[in-house]
């Protein structure tokens, strides 16, 4: 979560900028960025030898909405009387 938060705060940045001031090794930050990029949370752009990362707001919102929808479905199935917010 620390890496994602830093990218969101910076906007667009390379791994060195993102790793700066974080309590993680640059290699660990790089692995996190790769994972977040493969998950569609971050966009990855290579310019020359540098790789830049930036948040993908639309995909982040879609993923959060999918989580909310899943939780609503689970709650609706287990506790329909307690859960009045069904769609």
C-alpha atoms as a PDB file:
ATOM      1  CA  UNK A   1       0.000   0.000   0.000  1.00  0.00           C
ATOM      2  CA  UNK A   2       2.914   2.351   0.681  1.00  0.00           C
ATOM      3  CA  UNK A   3       4.166   2.054  -2.902  1.00  0.00           C
ATOM      4  CA  UNK A   4       0.729   2.675  -4.407  1.00  0.00           C
ATOM      5  CA  UNK A   5       0.167   5.660  -2.130  1.00  0.00           C
ATOM      6  CA  UNK A   6       3.512   7.148  -3.183  1.00  0.00           C
ATOM      7  CA  UNK A   7       2.698   6.731  -6.898  1.00  0.00           C
ATOM      8  CA  UNK A   8      -0.690   8.366  -6.378  1.00  0.00           C
ATOM      9  CA  UNK A   9       0.969  11.299  -4.596  1.00  0.00           C
ATOM     10  CA  UNK A  10       3.665  11.695  -7.268  1.00  0.00           C
ATOM     11  CA  UNK A  11       1.425  11.151 -10.269  1.00  0.00           C
ATOM     12  CA  UNK A  12       3.968   9.974 -12.811  1.00  0.00           C
ATOM     13  CA  UNK A  13       7.384   8.818 -11.639  1.00  0.00           C
ATOM     14  CA  UNK A  14      10.157   6.292 -12.165  1.00  0.00           C
ATOM     15  CA  UNK A  15      11.211   3.649  -9.652  1.00  0.00           C
ATOM     16  CA  UNK A  16      13.986   5.832  -8.196  1.00  0.00           C
ATOM     17  CA  UNK A  17      11.595   8.683  -7.462  1.00  0.00           C
ATOM     18  CA  UNK A  18       9.040   6.300  -5.989  1.00  0.00           C
ATOM     19  CA  UNK A  19      11.592   4.463  -3.831  1.00  0.00           C
ATOM     20  CA  UNK A  20      13.027   7.707  -2.454  1.00  0.00           C
ATOM     21  CA  UNK A  21      12.246   8.080   1.270  1.00  0.00           C
ATOM     22  CA  UNK A  22      10.456   4.717   1.443  1.00  0.00           C
ATOM     23  CA  UNK A  23      11.648   2.155   4.000  1.00  0.00           C
ATOM     24  CA  UNK A  24      12.015  -0.459   1.245  1.00  0.00           C
ATOM     25  CA  UNK A  25      14.866  -1.498  -1.029  1.00  0.00           C
ATOM     26  CA  UNK A  26      14.566  -0.246  -4.595  1.00  0.00           C
ATOM     27  CA  UNK A  27      14.285  -3.862  -5.807  1.00  0.00           C
ATOM     28  CA  UNK A  28      11.290  -4.446  -3.524  1.00  0.00           C
ATOM     29  CA  UNK A  29       9.643  -1.259  -4.783  1.00  0.00           C
ATOM     30  CA  UNK A  30      10.296  -2.399  -8.353  1.00  0.00           C
ATOM     31  CA  UNK A  31       8.592  -5.759  -7.692  1.00  0.00           C
ATOM     32  CA  UNK A  32       5.587  -3.977  -6.177  1.00  0.00           C
ATOM     33  CA  UNK A  33       5.368  -1.690  -9.203  1.00  0.00           C
ATOM     34  CA  UNK A  34       5.493  -4.673 -11.560  1.00  0.00           C
ATOM     35  CA  UNK A  35       2.710  -6.407  -9.631  1.00  0.00           C
ATOM     36  CA  UNK A  36       0.536  -3.274  -9.577  1.00  0.00           C
ATOM     37  CA  UNK A  37       1.150  -2.721 -13.279  1.00  0.00           C
ATOM     38  CA  UNK A  38       0.246  -6.325 -14.156  1.00  0.00           C
ATOM     39  CA  UNK A  39      -2.910  -5.960 -12.052  1.00  0.00           C
ATOM     40  CA  UNK A  40      -3.918  -2.905 -14.095  1.00  0.00           C
ATOM     41  CA  UNK A  41      -3.673  -0.523 -11.152  1.00  0.00           C
ATOM     42  CA  UNK A  42      -0.748   1.384 -12.655  1.00  0.00           C
ATOM     43  CA  UNK A  43       0.116   2.313 -16.220  1.00  0.00           C
ATOM     44  CA  UNK A  44       3.701   1.590 -17.224  1.00  0.00           C
ATOM     45  CA  UNK A  45       5.445   3.636 -19.919  1.00  0.00           C
ATOM     46  CA  UNK A  46       8.985   3.035 -21.112  1.00  0.00           C
ATOM     47  CA  UNK A  47      10.879   6.015 -22.513  1.00  0.00           C
ATOM     48  CA  UNK A  48      14.388   5.059 -23.541  1.00  0.00           C
ATOM     49  CA  UNK A  49      15.828   3.112 -20.624  1.00  0.00           C
ATOM     50  CA  UNK A  50      13.530   4.711 -18.039  1.00  0.00           C
ATOM     51  CA  UNK A  51      10.222   3.215 -16.988  1.00  0.00           C
ATOM     52  CA  UNK A  52       7.552   5.510 -15.607  1.00  0.00           C
ATOM     53  CA  UNK A  53       4.531   4.481 -13.567  1.00  0.00           C
ATOM     54  CA  UNK A  54       1.309   6.368 -13.019  1.00  0.00           C
ATOM     55  CA  UNK A  55      -2.082   5.489 -11.538  1.00  0.00           C
ATOM     56  CA  UNK A  56      -4.853   4.226 -13.818  1.00  0.00           C
ATOM     57  CA  UNK A  57      -7.817   5.954 -12.103  1.00  0.00           C
ATOM     58  CA  UNK A  58     -10.540   4.296 -14.186  1.00  0.00           C
ATOM     59  CA  UNK A  59      -9.225   0.807 -13.516  1.00  0.00           C
ATOM     60  CA  UNK A  60      -8.689   1.546  -9.813  1.00  0.00           C
ATOM     61  CA  UNK A  61     -12.333   2.651  -9.535  1.00  0.00           C
ATOM     62  CA  UNK A  62     -13.523  -0.450 -11.414  1.00  0.00           C
ATOM     63  CA  UNK A  63     -11.567  -2.703  -9.064  1.00  0.00           C
ATOM     64  CA  UNK A  64     -12.886  -0.977  -5.941  1.00  0.00           C
ATOM     65  CA  UNK A  65     -16.426  -1.196  -7.314  1.00  0.00           C
ATOM     66  CA  UNK A  66     -15.967  -4.924  -7.973  1.00  0.00           C
ATOM     67  CA  UNK A  67     -14.844  -5.377  -4.361  1.00  0.00           C
ATOM     68  CA  UNK A  68     -17.854  -3.419  -3.085  1.00  0.00           C
ATOM     69  CA  UNK A  69     -20.234  -5.415  -5.298  1.00  0.00           C
ATOM     70  CA  UNK A  70     -18.728  -8.692  -4.070  1.00  0.00           C
ATOM     71  CA  UNK A  71     -19.015  -7.702  -0.417  1.00  0.00           C
ATOM     72  CA  UNK A  72     -22.609  -6.551  -0.926  1.00  0.00           C
ATOM     73  CA  UNK A  73     -23.462  -9.906  -2.523  1.00  0.00           C
ATOM     74  CA  UNK A  74     -21.893 -11.885   0.328  1.00  0.00           C
ATOM     75  CA  UNK A  75     -23.666  -9.802   2.972  1.00  0.00           C
ATOM     76  CA  UNK A  76     -26.984  -9.962   1.108  1.00  0.00           C
ATOM     77  CA  UNK A  77     -26.744 -13.765   0.985  1.00  0.00           C
ATOM     78  CA  UNK A  78     -25.758 -14.256   4.611  1.00  0.00           C
ATOM     79  CA  UNK A  79     -27.684 -11.452   6.343  1.00  0.00           C
ATOM     80  CA  UNK A  80     -30.544 -10.166   4.150  1.00  0.00           C
ATOM     81  CA  UNK A  81     -32.485  -8.638   7.048  1.00  0.00           C
ATOM     82  CA  UNK A  82     -29.471  -6.654   8.302  1.00  0.00           C
ATOM     83  CA  UNK A  83     -28.444  -5.477   4.832  1.00  0.00           C
ATOM     84  CA  UNK A  84     -31.013  -3.031   3.377  1.00  0.00           C
ATOM     85  CA  UNK A  85     -28.688  -1.576   0.707  1.00  0.00           C
ATOM     86  CA  UNK A  86     -29.312  -4.109  -2.051  1.00  0.00           C
ATOM     87  CA  UNK A  87     -29.527  -2.847  -5.583  1.00  0.00           C
END
